[in-house]
Amino acid sequence: MNEEVASNKQPASENATSVSLEDVRRVAELANLELTAQEEPRMQHDLNAILGYIAELSELDTADVPPLAQVAEILGDQVQASVEALRVDEVRASIARTEVMAQAPETDGVFFKVPKVIER
């Protein structure tokens, strides 16, 4: 892209829906994050930048790009070389539950007991 065209084009972030500080606080609450007052504007800027990049990607013409479920389809030989290094995926017997539970720090005999990590 030449500089003339690039300089006349509005940044995609200006076209995207803007994230407010209230949005940032709500997302932080949902994600159980404790943001400081200094971190909130930085997070707002970052989220708006992400939305800007998404808006920019949305402008791309993908009409001639076939749907793709696995990147392996386009990487071909590179993926094949990696796959050859992996073991064969086969069904094998697993460790007995009683043996595993006997080694657990806390268990009820069926499930592991772990400390609560999310508190509200």
Protein backbone atom coordinates (compact mmCIF):
# COMPACT_ATOMS: atom_id res chain seq x y z
CA MET A 1 0.00 0.00 0.00
CA ASN A 2 1.47 3.37 -0.87
CA GLU A 3 1.81 6.17 1.70
CA GLU A 4 -0.83 8.40 0.08
CA VAL A 5 -3.51 5.75 0.41
CA ALA A 6 -2.37 4.77 3.90
CA SER A 7 -2.40 8.38 5.17
CA ASN A 8 -5.95 9.01 3.87
CA LYS A 9 -7.38 5.86 5.39
CA GLN A 10 -9.00 6.21 8.80
CA PRO A 11 -7.65 3.78 11.40
CA ALA A 12 -10.02 0.87 11.80
CA SER A 13 -10.15 1.52 15.56
CA GLU A 14 -12.03 4.76 14.87
CA ASN A 15 -14.68 2.82 12.95
CA ALA A 16 -15.11 0.14 15.62
CA THR A 17 -17.47 0.34 18.55
CA SER A 18 -15.59 2.00 21.37
CA VAL A 19 -15.07 0.31 24.73
CA SER A 20 -15.92 2.61 27.64
CA LEU A 21 -14.32 2.57 31.08
CA GLU A 22 -17.60 1.14 32.37
CA ASP A 23 -17.24 -1.72 29.84
CA VAL A 24 -13.69 -2.32 31.09
CA ARG A 25 -14.91 -2.47 34.69
CA ARG A 26 -17.69 -4.93 33.77
CA VAL A 27 -15.32 -7.19 31.83
CA ALA A 28 -12.85 -7.07 34.72
CA GLU A 29 -15.62 -8.02 37.13
CA LEU A 30 -16.73 -10.93 34.94
CA ALA A 31 -13.12 -12.10 34.61
CA ASN A 32 -12.61 -11.68 38.35
CA LEU A 33 -9.78 -9.18 37.77
CA GLU A 34 -8.92 -6.39 40.13
CA LEU A 35 -7.73 -3.50 37.97
CA THR A 36 -6.28 -0.38 39.52
CA ALA A 37 -7.43 3.08 38.45
CA GLN A 38 -4.19 3.36 36.45
CA GLU A 39 -4.75 0.02 34.69
CA GLU A 40 -8.32 0.73 33.55
CA PRO A 41 -7.48 3.32 30.85
CA ARG A 42 -4.62 1.13 29.61
CA MET A 43 -6.99 -1.84 29.36
CA GLN A 44 -9.54 0.39 27.60
CA HIS A 45 -6.89 1.38 25.05
CA ASP A 46 -5.83 -2.26 24.53
CA LEU A 47 -9.40 -3.51 24.08
CA ASN A 48 -10.16 -0.70 21.61
CA ALA A 49 -6.97 -1.59 19.70
CA ILE A 50 -8.08 -5.24 19.51
CA LEU A 51 -11.49 -4.21 18.20
CA GLY A 52 -9.73 -1.95 15.70
CA TYR A 53 -7.66 -4.86 14.41
CA ILE A 54 -10.80 -6.99 14.13
CA ALA A 55 -12.54 -4.21 12.18
CA GLU A 56 -9.50 -3.98 9.91
CA LEU A 57 -9.58 -7.74 9.31
CA SER A 58 -13.31 -7.51 8.56
CA GLU A 59 -12.49 -5.21 5.64
CA LEU A 60 -10.48 -7.93 3.89
CA ASP A 61 -12.03 -9.61 0.87
CA THR A 62 -12.14 -13.32 1.71
CA ALA A 63 -14.58 -14.32 -1.02
CA ASP A 64 -11.95 -16.46 -2.78
CA VAL A 65 -10.54 -17.98 0.41
CA PRO A 66 -11.88 -21.48 1.02
CA PRO A 67 -13.12 -22.36 4.51
CA LEU A 68 -10.42 -24.00 6.59
CA ALA A 69 -10.84 -26.19 9.65
CA GLN A 70 -7.21 -27.24 10.10
CA VAL A 71 -4.08 -25.30 9.28
CA ALA A 72 -2.48 -28.66 8.42
CA GLU A 73 -4.39 -28.56 5.15
CA ILE A 74 -2.25 -25.65 3.93
CA LEU A 75 1.02 -26.49 5.68
CA GLY A 76 1.31 -29.93 4.12
CA ASP A 77 4.87 -31.30 4.43
CA GLN A 78 5.72 -29.20 7.47
CA VAL A 79 2.89 -30.79 9.46
CA GLN A 80 3.66 -34.26 8.12
CA ALA A 81 7.23 -33.99 9.47
CA SER A 82 5.83 -33.04 12.90
CA VAL A 83 3.25 -35.82 12.87
CA GLU A 84 5.91 -38.43 12.16
CA ALA A 85 7.62 -37.46 15.42
CA LEU A 86 4.47 -38.20 17.46
CA ARG A 87 3.54 -41.58 18.91
CA VAL A 88 0.68 -43.59 17.47
CA ASP A 89 -2.64 -42.71 19.07
CA GLU A 90 -3.93 -46.01 20.41
CA VAL A 91 -6.24 -47.14 23.18
CA ARG A 92 -4.34 -48.31 26.27
CA ALA A 93 -5.31 -49.28 29.78
CA SER A 94 -5.25 -46.39 32.23
CA ILE A 95 -4.19 -46.28 35.86
CA ALA A 96 -6.74 -47.69 38.31
CA ARG A 97 -8.79 -45.04 40.13
CA THR A 98 -7.95 -46.55 43.54
CA GLU A 99 -4.22 -46.30 42.79
CA VAL A 100 -4.54 -42.65 41.76
CA MET A 101 -6.76 -41.72 44.71
CA ALA A 102 -4.33 -43.39 47.12
CA GLN A 103 -1.66 -40.89 45.99
CA ALA A 104 -3.90 -37.79 46.20
CA PRO A 105 -3.41 -35.39 49.13
CA GLU A 106 -7.21 -35.21 49.67
CA THR A 107 -9.98 -37.28 48.11
CA ASP A 108 -13.45 -38.58 48.82
CA GLY A 109 -12.57 -41.82 47.04
CA VAL A 110 -14.12 -40.74 43.76
CA PHE A 111 -12.96 -37.16 43.23
CA PHE A 112 -9.92 -35.08 44.17
CA LYS A 113 -10.56 -32.44 46.83
CA VAL A 114 -8.87 -29.15 46.06
CA PRO A 115 -8.84 -25.81 47.85
CA LYS A 116 -11.32 -23.19 46.71
CA VAL A 117 -9.51 -20.73 44.45
CA ILE A 118 -12.28 -18.35 43.40
CA GLU A 119 -13.93 -16.32 46.10
CA ARG A 120 -16.46 -13.56 45.60
